[in-house]
Amino acid sequence: ADLLESERLASPHIALQREPTDLAALVAELVASLDGAPPVRQDIASNLPLLQLDRARVRLLLRNLLDNALRHSLGAAQPPEISIQPCAA
């Protein structure tokens, strides 16, 4: 399913489908859906605003990053970490 979604999103004619997104909830949902519940540290600010994001594309991006981090951190002393903090404008 991820591969099909990736191909669909790669089409240059697909418009972004922006919607108000709770990034912290999206990350938590994604980490919980990983096979075998691997350890992933989450350092996510509690005061993040809703962001206008293409939820499917951001989820796919985060999934790819997590898959790579988990694949390349096998045997590492520390588990992969996702850190999301607001930045000053």
Protein backbone atom coordinates (compact mmCIF):
# COMPACT_ATOMS: atom_id res chain seq x y z
CA ALA A 1 0.00 0.00 0.00
CA ASP A 2 2.88 2.41 0.83
CA LEU A 3 4.49 1.73 -2.55
CA LEU A 4 1.25 2.43 -4.42
CA GLU A 5 0.70 5.61 -2.42
CA SER A 6 4.28 6.68 -3.12
CA GLU A 7 3.78 6.22 -6.86
CA ARG A 8 0.48 8.10 -6.81
CA LEU A 9 2.02 11.00 -4.93
CA ALA A 10 5.01 11.13 -7.28
CA SER A 11 2.79 12.15 -10.19
CA PRO A 12 3.55 15.76 -11.15
CA HIS A 13 -0.16 16.43 -11.70
CA ILE A 14 -1.32 15.55 -8.22
CA ALA A 15 -2.19 18.68 -6.24
CA LEU A 16 -1.35 18.98 -2.58
CA GLN A 17 -4.26 18.05 -0.34
CA ARG A 18 -3.57 20.39 2.58
CA GLU A 19 -5.63 20.03 5.71
CA PRO A 20 -5.20 21.13 9.34
CA THR A 21 -2.91 18.46 10.80
CA ASP A 22 -1.82 17.71 14.34
CA LEU A 23 1.78 16.72 13.66
CA ALA A 24 2.27 15.24 17.16
CA ALA A 25 -0.75 12.97 16.70
CA LEU A 26 0.43 11.98 13.22
CA VAL A 27 3.85 10.97 14.56
CA ALA A 28 2.33 9.03 17.48
CA GLU A 29 -0.04 7.22 15.11
CA LEU A 30 2.80 6.34 12.76
CA VAL A 31 5.12 5.06 15.52
CA ALA A 32 2.29 2.94 16.95
CA SER A 33 1.65 1.39 13.53
CA LEU A 34 5.23 0.17 13.04
CA ASP A 35 5.65 -3.60 12.87
CA GLY A 36 6.95 -5.15 16.07
CA ALA A 37 6.67 -1.90 18.09
CA PRO A 38 10.34 -0.93 17.76
CA PRO A 39 11.67 1.62 20.23
CA VAL A 40 11.46 5.17 18.89
CA ARG A 41 12.04 8.09 21.24
CA GLN A 42 9.67 10.99 20.71
CA ASP A 43 10.58 14.53 21.77
CA ILE A 44 7.58 16.49 20.54
CA ALA A 45 6.53 19.89 21.88
CA SER A 46 3.07 19.92 23.42
CA ASN A 47 2.16 23.37 22.11
CA LEU A 48 2.43 22.77 18.36
CA PRO A 49 -0.23 24.50 16.29
CA LEU A 50 -2.27 22.69 13.66
CA LEU A 51 -0.34 22.88 10.40
CA GLN A 52 -1.72 22.98 6.86
CA LEU A 53 -0.07 19.82 5.52
CA ASP A 54 -0.71 17.15 2.95
CA ARG A 55 -1.21 14.46 5.57
CA ALA A 56 -0.57 11.52 3.21
CA ARG A 57 2.70 12.95 1.90
CA VAL A 58 4.01 13.91 5.33
CA ARG A 59 3.06 10.48 6.70
CA LEU A 60 4.92 8.80 3.83
CA LEU A 61 7.95 11.04 4.41
CA LEU A 62 8.01 10.27 8.13
CA ARG A 63 7.50 6.55 7.48
CA ASN A 64 10.48 6.47 5.10
CA LEU A 65 12.68 8.36 7.57
CA LEU A 66 11.70 6.05 10.43
CA ASP A 67 12.17 2.89 8.36
CA ASN A 68 15.67 4.04 7.38
CA ALA A 69 16.55 5.10 10.93
CA LEU A 70 15.39 1.76 12.34
CA ARG A 71 17.16 -0.24 9.62
CA HIS A 72 20.47 1.57 10.14
CA SER A 73 20.38 1.75 13.94
CA LEU A 74 20.16 -1.98 14.65
CA GLY A 75 22.47 -2.68 17.56
CA ALA A 76 23.00 1.01 18.32
CA ALA A 77 23.15 2.13 21.93
CA GLN A 78 20.31 4.62 21.44
CA PRO A 79 17.03 4.08 19.58
CA PRO A 80 16.08 6.52 16.81
CA GLU A 81 14.50 9.77 18.00
CA ILE A 82 11.94 12.08 16.43
CA SER A 83 12.20 15.63 17.71
CA ILE A 84 9.64 18.24 16.64
CA GLN A 85 9.83 21.69 18.15
CA PRO A 86 8.33 25.00 17.07
CA CYS A 87 10.79 27.39 15.54
CA ALA A 88 10.84 31.12 16.09
CA ALA A 89 9.67 33.07 13.07
